[in-house]
N, C-alpha and C. Protein backbone atom coordinates (compact mmCIF):
# COMPACT_ATOMS: atom_id res chain seq x y z
N MET A 1 34.22 -37.80 -10.24
CA MET A 1 33.03 -38.50 -10.35
C MET A 1 32.30 -38.54 -9.22
N GLU A 2 32.75 -38.45 -8.00
CA GLU A 2 32.04 -38.49 -6.51
C GLU A 2 31.49 -37.00 -6.39
N ARG A 3 32.16 -36.19 -6.77
CA ARG A 3 31.88 -34.68 -6.80
C ARG A 3 30.43 -34.67 -7.66
N ARG A 4 30.56 -34.89 -8.83
CA ARG A 4 29.42 -34.94 -9.79
C ARG A 4 28.08 -35.69 -9.15
N ARG A 5 28.51 -36.70 -8.46
CA ARG A 5 27.11 -37.36 -7.96
C ARG A 5 26.47 -36.70 -6.78
N ARG A 6 27.28 -36.12 -6.10
CA ARG A 6 26.91 -35.52 -4.65
C ARG A 6 26.11 -34.17 -5.47
N ARG A 7 26.59 -33.57 -6.43
CA ARG A 7 25.66 -32.33 -7.03
C ARG A 7 24.34 -32.89 -7.34
N ARG A 8 24.44 -34.13 -8.34
CA ARG A 8 23.15 -34.64 -8.91
C ARG A 8 22.10 -34.90 -7.61
N ASP A 9 22.63 -35.46 -6.49
CA ASP A 9 21.91 -35.83 -5.27
C ASP A 9 21.24 -34.48 -4.43
N ASN A 10 22.15 -33.49 -4.69
CA ASN A 10 21.58 -32.35 -4.01
C ASN A 10 20.37 -31.56 -4.97
N ARG A 11 20.87 -31.82 -6.26
CA ARG A 11 19.60 -31.14 -6.97
C ARG A 11 18.43 -31.76 -6.91
N TRP A 12 18.37 -33.35 -6.75
CA TRP A 12 17.26 -34.04 -6.46
C TRP A 12 16.63 -33.91 -5.32
N ARG A 13 17.38 -33.51 -4.34
CA ARG A 13 16.88 -33.12 -3.03
C ARG A 13 15.96 -31.96 -2.89
N ARG A 14 16.62 -30.94 -3.87
CA ARG A 14 15.98 -29.62 -3.77
C ARG A 14 14.62 -29.79 -4.47
N VAL A 15 14.59 -30.69 -5.87
CA VAL A 15 13.38 -30.76 -6.49
C VAL A 15 12.37 -31.60 -5.53
N MET A 16 12.76 -32.52 -4.89
CA MET A 16 11.88 -33.20 -3.89
C MET A 16 11.36 -32.30 -2.74
N LEU A 17 12.37 -31.41 -2.10
CA LEU A 17 11.76 -30.49 -1.18
C LEU A 17 10.60 -29.59 -1.78
N ALA A 18 10.99 -28.97 -2.96
CA ALA A 18 10.10 -28.15 -3.52
C ALA A 18 8.82 -28.71 -3.81
N HIS A 19 8.67 -30.07 -3.96
CA HIS A 19 7.48 -30.75 -4.41
C HIS A 19 6.76 -31.04 -3.15
N ALA A 20 7.61 -31.01 -2.10
CA ALA A 20 6.88 -31.46 -0.71
C ALA A 20 6.30 -30.24 0.06
N LEU A 21 6.85 -29.10 -0.06
CA LEU A 21 6.50 -27.91 0.39
C LEU A 21 5.09 -27.33 -0.24
N PRO A 22 4.15 -27.03 0.76
CA PRO A 22 2.92 -26.39 -0.15
C PRO A 22 3.30 -25.10 -0.75
N ARG A 23 2.41 -24.68 -1.80
CA ARG A 23 2.51 -23.40 -2.50
C ARG A 23 2.17 -22.59 -1.56
N LEU A 24 2.54 -21.26 -1.59
CA LEU A 24 2.20 -20.19 -0.73
C LEU A 24 0.96 -19.74 -0.92
N ILE A 25 0.40 -19.61 -2.13
CA ILE A 25 -1.20 -19.54 -2.32
C ILE A 25 -2.06 -20.49 -1.78
N ASP A 26 -1.79 -21.58 -1.40
CA ASP A 26 -2.48 -22.30 -0.71
C ASP A 26 -2.49 -22.42 0.72
N ARG A 27 -1.67 -21.49 1.23
CA ARG A 27 -1.60 -21.41 2.64
C ARG A 27 -2.25 -20.17 2.83
N LEU A 28 -2.89 -19.60 2.02
CA LEU A 28 -3.55 -18.23 2.41
C LEU A 28 -5.09 -18.43 2.79
N PRO A 29 -5.70 -17.40 3.59
CA PRO A 29 -7.10 -17.35 4.05
C PRO A 29 -8.01 -17.23 2.57
N ALA A 30 -9.20 -17.66 2.92
CA ALA A 30 -9.98 -17.53 1.63
C ALA A 30 -10.45 -16.02 1.93
N VAL A 31 -10.50 -15.34 0.64
CA VAL A 31 -11.02 -13.79 0.56
C VAL A 31 -11.82 -13.80 -0.59
N ARG A 32 -12.51 -12.49 -0.51
CA ARG A 32 -13.21 -12.16 -1.77
C ARG A 32 -12.77 -11.38 -2.53
N GLY A 33 -11.46 -11.00 -2.57
CA GLY A 33 -10.78 -9.97 -3.33
C GLY A 33 -10.02 -10.84 -4.54
N GLU A 34 -9.18 -10.41 -5.26
CA GLU A 34 -8.55 -11.00 -6.42
C GLU A 34 -6.87 -11.36 -5.59
N VAL A 35 -6.94 -13.01 -5.80
CA VAL A 35 -5.68 -13.37 -5.69
C VAL A 35 -4.87 -14.17 -6.75
N SER A 36 -3.59 -13.76 -7.00
CA SER A 36 -2.95 -14.48 -7.99
C SER A 36 -1.69 -14.70 -7.68
N GLU A 37 -1.20 -15.86 -8.57
CA GLU A 37 0.18 -16.34 -8.17
C GLU A 37 1.22 -15.75 -9.31
N ASN A 38 2.52 -15.56 -8.89
CA ASN A 38 3.44 -15.22 -9.86
C ASN A 38 3.20 -14.10 -10.64
N ALA A 39 2.33 -12.81 -9.98
CA ALA A 39 1.64 -12.02 -10.78
C ALA A 39 2.61 -10.76 -11.22
N PRO A 40 2.80 -10.18 -12.53
CA PRO A 40 3.52 -9.36 -12.81
C PRO A 40 3.33 -8.08 -12.17
N LEU A 41 4.18 -7.15 -11.49
CA LEU A 41 3.99 -5.88 -10.97
C LEU A 41 4.14 -4.61 -11.80
N GLY A 42 4.74 -5.20 -12.92
CA GLY A 42 5.23 -4.09 -13.86
C GLY A 42 4.29 -3.20 -14.21
N GLY A 43 3.14 -3.73 -14.53
CA GLY A 43 1.87 -2.91 -14.85
C GLY A 43 1.09 -2.08 -13.87
N ILE A 44 1.43 -2.02 -12.49
CA ILE A 44 0.82 -1.31 -11.63
C ILE A 44 1.81 -0.51 -10.62
N THR A 45 2.91 -0.49 -11.35
CA THR A 45 3.66 0.34 -10.38
C THR A 45 4.18 1.69 -11.46
N TRP A 46 4.47 2.90 -10.60
CA TRP A 46 4.94 4.09 -11.30
C TRP A 46 6.11 3.87 -12.76
N PHE A 47 7.01 3.12 -12.17
CA PHE A 47 8.16 2.96 -13.31
C PHE A 47 7.88 1.98 -14.27
N ARG A 48 6.86 1.06 -13.87
CA ARG A 48 6.33 -0.06 -14.98
C ARG A 48 7.65 -1.08 -15.06
N THR A 49 8.70 -1.19 -14.08
CA THR A 49 9.41 -2.20 -14.10
C THR A 49 9.51 -3.12 -12.89
N GLY A 50 10.19 -4.09 -12.99
CA GLY A 50 10.27 -4.98 -11.79
C GLY A 50 9.72 -6.35 -12.20
N GLY A 51 10.05 -7.51 -11.20
CA GLY A 51 9.63 -8.63 -11.47
C GLY A 51 8.21 -9.13 -10.87
N PRO A 52 7.89 -10.38 -10.61
CA PRO A 52 6.46 -10.65 -10.33
C PRO A 52 6.46 -10.81 -8.81
N ALA A 53 5.21 -10.74 -8.21
CA ALA A 53 4.87 -11.08 -6.56
C ALA A 53 4.86 -12.45 -6.65
N GLU A 54 5.37 -12.99 -5.75
CA GLU A 54 5.03 -14.59 -5.38
C GLU A 54 3.47 -14.65 -5.41
N VAL A 55 2.60 -14.06 -4.62
CA VAL A 55 1.42 -13.70 -4.54
C VAL A 55 1.02 -12.34 -4.60
N LEU A 56 -0.01 -11.98 -5.43
CA LEU A 56 -0.44 -10.57 -5.58
C LEU A 56 -2.00 -10.93 -4.94
N PHE A 57 -2.44 -9.66 -4.02
CA PHE A 57 -3.78 -9.97 -3.35
C PHE A 57 -4.22 -8.55 -3.48
N ARG A 58 -5.44 -8.56 -4.29
CA ARG A 58 -6.16 -7.06 -4.13
C ARG A 58 -7.25 -7.29 -3.44
N PRO A 59 -7.58 -6.60 -2.14
CA PRO A 59 -8.86 -6.92 -1.36
C PRO A 59 -9.94 -6.14 -1.92
N ALA A 60 -10.89 -6.63 -1.80
CA ALA A 60 -12.20 -6.15 -2.10
C ALA A 60 -12.73 -4.95 -1.44
N ASP A 61 -12.46 -4.76 -0.08
CA ASP A 61 -12.72 -3.89 0.62
C ASP A 61 -11.81 -3.95 2.16
N VAL A 62 -12.19 -3.04 2.86
CA VAL A 62 -11.20 -3.15 4.30
C VAL A 62 -11.76 -4.44 5.14
N ASP A 63 -12.93 -4.75 4.85
CA ASP A 63 -13.42 -5.98 5.80
C ASP A 63 -12.51 -7.25 5.05
N ASP A 64 -12.66 -7.26 4.03
CA ASP A 64 -11.88 -8.49 3.12
C ASP A 64 -10.32 -8.32 3.71
N LEU A 65 -9.60 -7.07 3.57
CA LEU A 65 -8.43 -7.07 3.86
C LEU A 65 -7.97 -7.64 5.81
N GLN A 66 -8.88 -7.02 6.31
CA GLN A 66 -9.04 -7.21 7.75
C GLN A 66 -9.10 -8.71 7.91
N THR A 67 -10.02 -9.58 7.32
CA THR A 67 -10.26 -11.08 7.40
C THR A 67 -8.74 -11.78 7.14
N PHE A 68 -8.11 -11.25 5.90
CA PHE A 68 -6.76 -11.85 5.18
C PHE A 68 -6.00 -11.53 6.43
N ILE A 69 -5.37 -10.24 6.86
CA ILE A 69 -4.52 -9.99 7.76
C ILE A 69 -4.57 -10.78 9.05
N ALA A 70 -5.82 -10.82 9.61
CA ALA A 70 -6.05 -11.60 10.84
C ALA A 70 -5.88 -13.07 10.75
N ALA A 71 -6.11 -13.62 9.71
CA ALA A 71 -5.88 -15.20 9.71
C ALA A 71 -4.70 -15.52 9.06
N LEU A 72 -3.71 -14.47 8.52
CA LEU A 72 -2.29 -14.99 7.88
C LEU A 72 -1.23 -15.50 8.66
N GLU A 73 -0.82 -16.58 8.26
CA GLU A 73 0.20 -16.91 9.03
C GLU A 73 1.61 -16.11 9.21
N PRO A 74 1.87 -16.08 10.55
CA PRO A 74 2.77 -14.88 10.98
C PRO A 74 4.39 -14.88 10.20
N ASP A 75 4.49 -15.97 9.76
CA ASP A 75 6.08 -16.16 8.95
C ASP A 75 5.81 -15.89 7.44
N ILE A 76 4.68 -15.47 6.92
CA ILE A 76 4.47 -14.88 5.72
C ILE A 76 4.74 -13.52 5.47
N ALA A 77 5.70 -13.32 4.58
CA ALA A 77 6.18 -11.84 4.36
C ALA A 77 5.00 -10.93 3.64
N VAL A 78 4.87 -9.78 4.04
CA VAL A 78 3.93 -9.03 3.45
C VAL A 78 4.38 -7.59 2.97
N THR A 79 4.19 -7.34 1.89
CA THR A 79 4.35 -5.97 1.22
C THR A 79 3.21 -5.11 0.77
N VAL A 80 2.92 -3.85 1.16
CA VAL A 80 1.94 -3.22 0.70
C VAL A 80 2.25 -2.33 -0.29
N LEU A 81 1.49 -2.58 -1.26
CA LEU A 81 1.81 -1.68 -2.41
C LEU A 81 0.80 -0.51 -3.16
N GLY A 82 0.88 0.73 -3.22
CA GLY A 82 0.11 1.51 -3.68
C GLY A 82 0.24 1.72 -5.31
N LEU A 83 0.70 3.14 -5.61
CA LEU A 83 1.35 3.16 -6.95
C LEU A 83 2.64 2.72 -7.28
N GLY A 84 3.29 2.89 -6.26
CA GLY A 84 4.86 2.08 -6.31
C GLY A 84 5.48 3.51 -7.00
N SER A 85 5.46 4.61 -6.56
CA SER A 85 6.15 5.64 -7.34
C SER A 85 7.40 5.65 -6.32
N ASN A 86 7.34 5.29 -5.18
CA ASN A 86 8.51 5.45 -4.35
C ASN A 86 9.23 3.90 -3.99
N ALA A 87 8.96 3.08 -4.77
CA ALA A 87 9.42 1.84 -4.76
C ALA A 87 10.13 1.21 -6.08
N MET A 88 11.32 0.68 -5.96
CA MET A 88 12.33 0.09 -6.99
C MET A 88 11.75 -1.50 -6.89
N ILE A 89 11.02 -2.16 -7.88
CA ILE A 89 10.78 -3.61 -7.63
C ILE A 89 12.00 -4.29 -8.38
N ARG A 90 12.66 -4.98 -7.70
CA ARG A 90 13.82 -5.78 -8.33
C ARG A 90 13.44 -6.94 -9.30
N ASP A 91 14.19 -7.15 -10.33
CA ASP A 91 13.70 -8.20 -11.47
C ASP A 91 13.57 -9.33 -10.97
N GLY A 92 13.88 -9.92 -9.94
CA GLY A 92 13.76 -11.27 -9.17
C GLY A 92 12.32 -11.18 -8.70
N GLY A 93 11.57 -10.23 -8.40
CA GLY A 93 10.49 -10.21 -7.83
C GLY A 93 10.39 -9.95 -6.37
N VAL A 94 9.01 -10.00 -5.75
CA VAL A 94 8.95 -10.15 -4.49
C VAL A 94 8.38 -11.07 -3.78
N PRO A 95 9.36 -11.88 -3.12
CA PRO A 95 8.75 -12.78 -2.29
C PRO A 95 7.44 -12.42 -1.16
N GLY A 96 6.64 -13.75 -0.87
CA GLY A 96 5.55 -13.52 -0.04
C GLY A 96 4.33 -12.89 -0.59
N VAL A 97 3.62 -12.04 0.01
CA VAL A 97 2.35 -11.53 -0.51
C VAL A 97 2.43 -9.95 -0.97
N VAL A 98 2.31 -9.51 -2.08
CA VAL A 98 2.11 -8.24 -2.15
C VAL A 98 0.68 -7.82 -2.07
N ILE A 99 0.32 -6.82 -1.42
CA ILE A 99 -1.03 -6.59 -1.28
C ILE A 99 -1.20 -4.91 -1.78
N HIS A 100 -2.10 -5.20 -2.83
CA HIS A 100 -2.14 -3.62 -3.62
C HIS A 100 -3.32 -3.15 -3.53
N LEU A 101 -3.26 -2.15 -2.72
CA LEU A 101 -4.47 -1.26 -2.55
C LEU A 101 -4.68 -0.24 -3.71
N GLY A 102 -5.67 -0.75 -4.68
CA GLY A 102 -5.86 -0.23 -5.62
C GLY A 102 -7.35 0.84 -5.70
N LYS A 103 -8.25 0.52 -6.76
CA LYS A 103 -9.31 1.46 -6.62
C LYS A 103 -10.43 1.23 -5.72
N ASN A 104 -10.33 -0.07 -5.32
CA ASN A 104 -11.23 -0.32 -3.96
C ASN A 104 -11.06 0.20 -2.66
N PHE A 105 -9.94 0.82 -2.77
CA PHE A 105 -9.40 1.80 -1.74
C PHE A 105 -9.25 3.29 -1.95
N GLY A 106 -9.91 3.60 -3.04
CA GLY A 106 -9.53 4.93 -3.73
C GLY A 106 -10.93 5.85 -3.57
N ASP A 107 -11.97 5.87 -2.63
CA ASP A 107 -12.94 6.73 -2.40
C ASP A 107 -12.39 7.84 -2.08
N ILE A 108 -13.12 9.09 -2.57
CA ILE A 108 -12.89 10.29 -2.00
C ILE A 108 -14.35 10.85 -1.75
N SER A 109 -14.40 11.42 -0.30
CA SER A 109 -15.64 12.00 0.25
C SER A 109 -15.21 13.48 0.83
N PHE A 110 -16.40 14.08 1.04
CA PHE A 110 -16.25 15.58 1.81
C PHE A 110 -17.05 15.53 2.87
N ASP A 111 -16.64 16.36 4.15
CA ASP A 111 -17.32 16.64 5.16
C ASP A 111 -16.99 17.96 5.69
N GLY A 112 -17.76 18.95 5.18
CA GLY A 112 -17.45 20.36 5.27
C GLY A 112 -16.18 20.61 4.77
N ASP A 113 -15.52 21.31 5.45
CA ASP A 113 -14.26 21.50 4.74
C ASP A 113 -13.06 20.68 4.89
N ASP A 114 -13.57 19.20 5.24
CA ASP A 114 -12.54 18.11 5.27
C ASP A 114 -12.82 17.30 4.24
N VAL A 115 -11.88 16.44 3.63
CA VAL A 115 -11.82 15.63 2.64
C VAL A 115 -11.32 14.35 3.17
N ILE A 116 -12.29 13.12 3.02
CA ILE A 116 -11.91 12.13 3.25
C ILE A 116 -11.23 11.00 2.23
N ALA A 117 -10.25 10.54 2.15
CA ALA A 117 -9.54 9.72 1.01
C ALA A 117 -9.08 8.33 1.30
N GLY A 118 -9.28 7.49 0.66
CA GLY A 118 -9.08 6.11 0.85
C GLY A 118 -7.47 6.05 0.47
N ALA A 119 -6.69 5.17 1.14
CA ALA A 119 -5.14 4.99 1.13
C ALA A 119 -4.59 4.84 -0.35
N GLY A 120 -5.62 4.13 -1.03
CA GLY A 120 -5.45 3.86 -2.50
C GLY A 120 -5.87 5.05 -3.39
N ALA A 121 -6.35 6.07 -3.05
CA ALA A 121 -6.50 7.23 -3.74
C ALA A 121 -5.33 7.95 -4.24
N LEU A 122 -5.57 8.45 -5.44
CA LEU A 122 -4.02 8.92 -6.12
C LEU A 122 -4.28 10.39 -5.45
N ASP A 123 -2.85 10.80 -5.25
CA ASP A 123 -2.64 12.29 -4.53
C ASP A 123 -3.61 13.28 -5.64
N VAL A 124 -2.98 13.07 -6.84
CA VAL A 124 -3.52 14.12 -7.99
C VAL A 124 -5.01 14.05 -7.99
N ALA A 125 -5.85 13.01 -7.96
CA ALA A 125 -7.01 13.01 -8.04
C ALA A 125 -7.81 13.55 -6.63
N VAL A 126 -7.06 13.61 -5.60
CA VAL A 126 -7.52 14.09 -4.28
C VAL A 126 -7.53 15.75 -4.38
N SER A 127 -6.63 16.21 -4.99
CA SER A 127 -6.13 17.61 -5.24
C SER A 127 -7.50 17.91 -6.23
N ARG A 128 -7.63 17.25 -7.51
CA ARG A 128 -8.53 17.80 -8.35
C ARG A 128 -9.68 17.63 -7.80
N ALA A 129 -10.04 16.90 -6.85
CA ALA A 129 -11.46 16.59 -6.40
C ALA A 129 -11.77 17.85 -5.26
N CYS A 130 -10.80 18.25 -4.76
CA CYS A 130 -10.69 19.61 -3.81
C CYS A 130 -10.91 20.53 -4.79
N ARG A 131 -10.13 20.73 -6.01
CA ARG A 131 -10.53 22.06 -6.66
C ARG A 131 -11.74 22.08 -7.19
N ASP A 132 -12.25 20.95 -7.48
CA ASP A 132 -13.68 20.92 -7.94
C ASP A 132 -14.77 21.33 -7.08
N ARG A 133 -14.32 21.26 -5.74
CA ARG A 133 -15.29 21.63 -4.57
C ARG A 133 -14.92 22.75 -4.09
N SER A 134 -14.15 23.29 -4.69
CA SER A 134 -13.56 24.91 -4.45
C SER A 134 -12.99 24.63 -2.97
N LEU A 135 -12.15 23.69 -2.61
CA LEU A 135 -11.62 23.51 -1.22
C LEU A 135 -10.06 23.70 -1.53
N ALA A 136 -9.53 24.78 -0.85
CA ALA A 136 -8.22 25.03 -1.00
C ALA A 136 -7.15 24.52 -0.02
N GLY A 137 -5.90 24.42 -0.14
CA GLY A 137 -4.95 24.31 0.67
C GLY A 137 -4.36 22.87 0.49
N LEU A 138 -5.02 22.17 -0.48
CA LEU A 138 -4.52 20.59 -0.92
C LEU A 138 -4.00 20.48 -2.35
N GLU A 139 -3.74 21.66 -2.84
CA GLU A 139 -3.32 21.79 -4.20
C GLU A 139 -1.89 21.15 -4.46
N PHE A 140 -1.01 21.12 -3.37
CA PHE A 140 0.17 20.48 -3.40
C PHE A 140 0.28 19.12 -3.51
N LEU A 141 -0.90 18.41 -3.31
CA LEU A 141 -0.98 16.92 -3.87
C LEU A 141 -0.72 16.90 -5.33
N ASN A 142 -1.25 17.55 -6.08
CA ASN A 142 -1.24 17.44 -7.60
C ASN A 142 0.13 17.43 -7.91
N GLY A 143 1.24 17.49 -7.08
CA GLY A 143 2.81 17.32 -7.46
C GLY A 143 3.18 16.21 -7.02
N ILE A 144 2.62 15.39 -6.18
CA ILE A 144 2.97 14.17 -5.82
C ILE A 144 2.55 13.10 -6.66
N PRO A 145 3.59 12.06 -7.27
CA PRO A 145 3.39 10.89 -7.94
C PRO A 145 3.07 9.65 -7.05
N GLY A 146 1.88 9.71 -6.35
CA GLY A 146 1.67 8.38 -5.78
C GLY A 146 0.12 8.44 -5.11
N THR A 147 -0.09 7.77 -3.85
CA THR A 147 -1.36 7.56 -3.27
C THR A 147 -1.33 8.09 -1.90
N ILE A 148 -2.49 8.33 -1.35
CA ILE A 148 -2.66 8.64 -0.06
C ILE A 148 -1.84 8.13 1.02
N GLY A 149 -1.85 6.53 0.84
CA GLY A 149 -1.21 5.85 1.98
C GLY A 149 0.32 6.30 1.79
N GLY A 150 0.68 6.20 0.53
CA GLY A 150 2.34 6.53 0.36
C GLY A 150 2.64 7.56 1.08
N ALA A 151 1.78 8.73 0.75
CA ALA A 151 1.91 10.17 1.38
C ALA A 151 1.68 10.18 2.77
N LEU A 152 0.79 9.53 3.51
CA LEU A 152 0.89 9.28 4.98
C LEU A 152 2.31 8.79 5.53
N ARG A 153 2.86 7.86 4.78
CA ARG A 153 4.07 7.28 5.37
C ARG A 153 5.21 7.92 5.19
N MET A 154 5.38 8.74 4.23
CA MET A 154 6.76 9.40 4.24
C MET A 154 6.38 11.05 4.18
N ASN A 155 5.15 11.54 5.12
CA ASN A 155 5.09 13.00 4.87
C ASN A 155 5.34 13.67 3.75
N ALA A 156 4.57 13.17 2.72
CA ALA A 156 4.91 13.80 1.39
C ALA A 156 4.47 15.02 1.07
N GLY A 157 5.39 15.82 0.26
CA GLY A 157 4.96 17.14 0.07
C GLY A 157 5.62 17.74 -1.24
N ALA A 158 4.86 18.81 -1.52
CA ALA A 158 5.41 19.48 -2.66
C ALA A 158 5.05 21.01 -2.65
N TYR A 159 5.79 22.06 -3.13
CA TYR A 159 5.34 23.37 -3.25
C TYR A 159 5.17 24.02 -1.94
N GLY A 160 6.17 23.47 -1.11
CA GLY A 160 6.16 24.25 0.45
C GLY A 160 5.09 23.59 1.18
N ARG A 161 4.32 22.79 0.85
CA ARG A 161 3.56 22.19 1.78
C ARG A 161 3.51 20.63 1.93
N GLU A 162 3.10 19.97 2.98
CA GLU A 162 3.24 18.54 3.11
C GLU A 162 1.96 18.01 3.73
N MET A 163 2.05 16.67 4.08
CA MET A 163 0.89 16.05 4.53
C MET A 163 0.60 16.31 6.09
N SER A 164 1.74 16.76 6.65
CA SER A 164 1.55 17.23 8.28
C SER A 164 0.86 18.44 8.24
N ASP A 165 0.72 19.32 7.45
CA ASP A 165 0.05 20.61 7.18
C ASP A 165 -1.58 20.41 6.97
N VAL A 166 -1.88 19.19 6.83
CA VAL A 166 -3.34 19.15 6.07
C VAL A 166 -4.15 17.87 7.05
N LEU A 167 -3.31 16.96 7.46
CA LEU A 167 -3.77 15.83 8.31
C LEU A 167 -4.37 16.04 9.39
N LYS A 168 -5.81 15.65 9.48
CA LYS A 168 -6.50 15.63 10.57
C LYS A 168 -6.52 14.03 11.63
N THR A 169 -6.81 13.45 10.96
CA THR A 169 -6.56 11.95 11.39
C THR A 169 -6.63 10.92 10.26
N ALA A 170 -6.05 9.60 10.62
CA ALA A 170 -5.85 8.33 9.74
C ALA A 170 -6.36 7.27 10.47
N THR A 171 -6.45 6.49 9.56
CA THR A 171 -6.85 4.94 10.14
C THR A 171 -5.90 4.16 9.58
N ALA A 172 -5.50 2.93 10.31
CA ALA A 172 -4.58 2.25 9.76
C ALA A 172 -4.89 0.67 10.64
N MET A 173 -4.51 -0.45 9.88
CA MET A 173 -4.45 -1.66 10.30
C MET A 173 -3.30 -2.44 11.01
N ASP A 174 -3.13 -3.00 11.93
CA ASP A 174 -2.14 -3.58 12.70
C ASP A 174 -1.86 -5.06 12.03
N PRO A 175 -0.69 -5.73 12.32
CA PRO A 175 -0.62 -6.89 11.80
C PRO A 175 -1.62 -8.26 12.53
N ALA A 176 -2.36 -7.58 13.63
CA ALA A 176 -3.23 -8.48 13.88
C ALA A 176 -4.74 -8.30 13.36
N GLY A 177 -4.72 -7.37 12.54
CA GLY A 177 -6.08 -7.10 11.83
C GLY A 177 -7.04 -6.16 12.45
N ARG A 178 -6.39 -5.41 13.70
CA ARG A 178 -6.96 -4.54 14.30
C ARG A 178 -6.79 -2.94 13.71
N ILE A 179 -7.95 -2.37 13.68
CA ILE A 179 -8.11 -0.91 13.29
C ILE A 179 -8.02 0.02 13.89
N HIS A 180 -7.02 1.08 13.94
CA HIS A 180 -6.55 2.20 14.80
C HIS A 180 -6.95 3.60 14.18
N GLU A 181 -7.54 4.30 14.84
CA GLU A 181 -7.77 5.83 14.40
C GLU A 181 -6.34 6.49 15.12
N LEU A 182 -5.84 7.24 14.50
CA LEU A 182 -4.32 7.92 14.60
C LEU A 182 -4.61 9.41 14.29
N SER A 183 -4.26 9.96 15.53
CA SER A 183 -4.27 11.45 15.38
C SER A 183 -3.00 12.14 14.57
N ARG A 184 -2.90 13.42 14.28
CA ARG A 184 -1.99 13.84 13.61
C ARG A 184 -0.46 13.67 14.52
N ALA A 185 -0.69 13.75 15.76
CA ALA A 185 0.52 13.60 16.89
C ALA A 185 0.93 12.28 16.96
N ASP A 186 0.42 11.20 16.38
CA ASP A 186 0.60 9.86 16.70
C ASP A 186 1.57 9.69 15.70
N PHE A 187 1.88 10.53 14.45
CA PHE A 187 2.53 10.31 13.17
C PHE A 187 4.02 10.48 13.57
N GLY A 188 4.27 11.62 14.48
CA GLY A 188 5.69 12.00 14.86
C GLY A 188 6.31 12.49 13.36
N PHE A 189 5.65 13.18 12.72
CA PHE A 189 5.95 13.68 11.52
C PHE A 189 7.27 14.33 11.50
N ALA A 190 8.24 14.12 10.46
CA ALA A 190 9.46 14.93 10.29
C ALA A 190 9.48 15.29 8.70
N TYR A 191 10.59 15.62 8.33
CA TYR A 191 10.69 15.85 6.80
C TYR A 191 10.77 14.63 6.23
N ARG A 192 9.93 14.33 5.06
CA ARG A 192 9.73 13.11 4.50
C ARG A 192 9.72 11.89 5.36
N HIS A 193 9.21 12.01 6.65
CA HIS A 193 8.94 10.88 7.35
C HIS A 193 8.18 10.82 8.37
N SER A 194 7.44 9.41 8.85
CA SER A 194 6.67 9.64 9.93
C SER A 194 7.02 8.34 10.75
N THR A 195 6.56 8.37 12.01
CA THR A 195 7.16 7.31 12.94
C THR A 195 6.11 6.12 13.05
N VAL A 196 5.00 6.13 12.34
CA VAL A 196 4.06 4.96 12.55
C VAL A 196 4.53 3.71 12.16
N ASN A 197 4.43 2.55 12.75
CA ASN A 197 4.87 1.23 12.68
C ASN A 197 5.01 0.73 11.28
N GLN A 198 6.14 0.27 10.50
CA GLN A 198 6.08 0.15 9.14
C GLN A 198 5.27 -1.37 9.05
N ASP A 199 4.85 -1.98 9.93
CA ASP A 199 4.03 -2.95 9.80
C ASP A 199 2.52 -2.80 9.46
N TRP A 200 2.19 -1.42 9.94
CA TRP A 200 0.69 -1.07 9.83
C TRP A 200 0.34 -0.68 8.48
N ILE A 201 -0.79 -1.10 8.15
CA ILE A 201 -1.39 -0.59 6.56
C ILE A 201 -2.36 0.71 6.82
N PHE A 202 -2.05 1.84 6.03
CA PHE A 202 -2.80 2.72 6.12
C PHE A 202 -4.13 2.34 5.40
N LEU A 203 -5.49 2.74 5.79
CA LEU A 203 -6.61 2.80 5.29
C LEU A 203 -7.11 3.90 4.67
N SER A 204 -7.11 5.14 5.37
CA SER A 204 -7.71 6.36 5.02
C SER A 204 -7.12 7.45 5.68
N ALA A 205 -7.51 8.47 5.08
CA ALA A 205 -6.91 9.85 5.94
C ALA A 205 -7.92 10.88 5.66
N ARG A 206 -8.22 11.76 6.85
CA ARG A 206 -9.13 12.85 6.97
C ARG A 206 -8.19 14.03 6.82
N MET A 207 -8.21 14.83 5.87
CA MET A 207 -7.71 16.04 5.57
C MET A 207 -8.29 17.11 5.80
N THR A 208 -8.01 18.52 6.20
CA THR A 208 -8.75 19.76 6.33
C THR A 208 -8.03 20.80 5.27
N GLY A 209 -9.33 21.30 4.54
CA GLY A 209 -8.74 22.51 3.75
C GLY A 209 -9.62 23.73 4.18
N LYS A 210 -9.79 24.68 3.26
CA LYS A 210 -10.35 26.03 3.39
C LYS A 210 -11.04 26.26 2.48
N PRO A 211 -12.25 27.19 2.33
CA PRO A 211 -13.17 27.54 1.26
C PRO A 211 -12.12 28.36 0.45
N GLY A 212 -12.39 28.08 -0.88
CA GLY A 212 -11.48 28.74 -1.72
C GLY A 212 -12.26 29.07 -3.14
N ASP A 213 -11.65 29.40 -4.13
CA ASP A 213 -12.16 29.88 -5.37
C ASP A 213 -11.60 29.08 -6.53
N ARG A 214 -12.51 28.20 -7.17
CA ARG A 214 -12.21 27.12 -8.10
C ARG A 214 -11.33 27.86 -9.29
N ALA A 215 -11.40 29.21 -9.63
CA ALA A 215 -10.56 29.85 -10.37
C ALA A 215 -9.16 30.19 -10.19
N ASP A 216 -8.94 29.99 -8.73
CA ASP A 216 -7.47 30.31 -8.56
C ASP A 216 -6.58 29.31 -8.65
């Protein structure tokens, strides 16, 4: 009887504590992008599986992301997600804030023989844009199921080439919201690995190709 009463009391305390604590979404900075609570992640990941994000944030642009990161309380966990092709989301979901760098970070532009792509740009989209521009050397991206941000993180590659072969510079944001320009040497590239701080968020990459023939 005493044990049953203690269990009831403990459950009651947990309920009271849950009501006393502020919801995570109420602790977050004001932003222009989309913020949603208990958001399913299956629809935005490569494998279409996994539980919800406690909070999902889709920044409107780099300035919006910078405002959010700079004002975020340091004890709040952050997970950055692109296409999720290299991530397995557990059924229980992801605690803290999941930042999804989607189409708002997917711009692709050209500067001579260089292609500049946002971290949310699909690898295959970059490869096809280069093909349409008759820019060779980035065809390998067509075989990588992910985004440029993920490719930077793991030095992704296919068909005998990898990101370290084409990267010139990249931009990344640190946990204080400061933006850094990184050279290829700053990445410490190895096979499917880079040494850039795991807490930094990649924003864009400048990669170089060479004039080619679209018919090739």
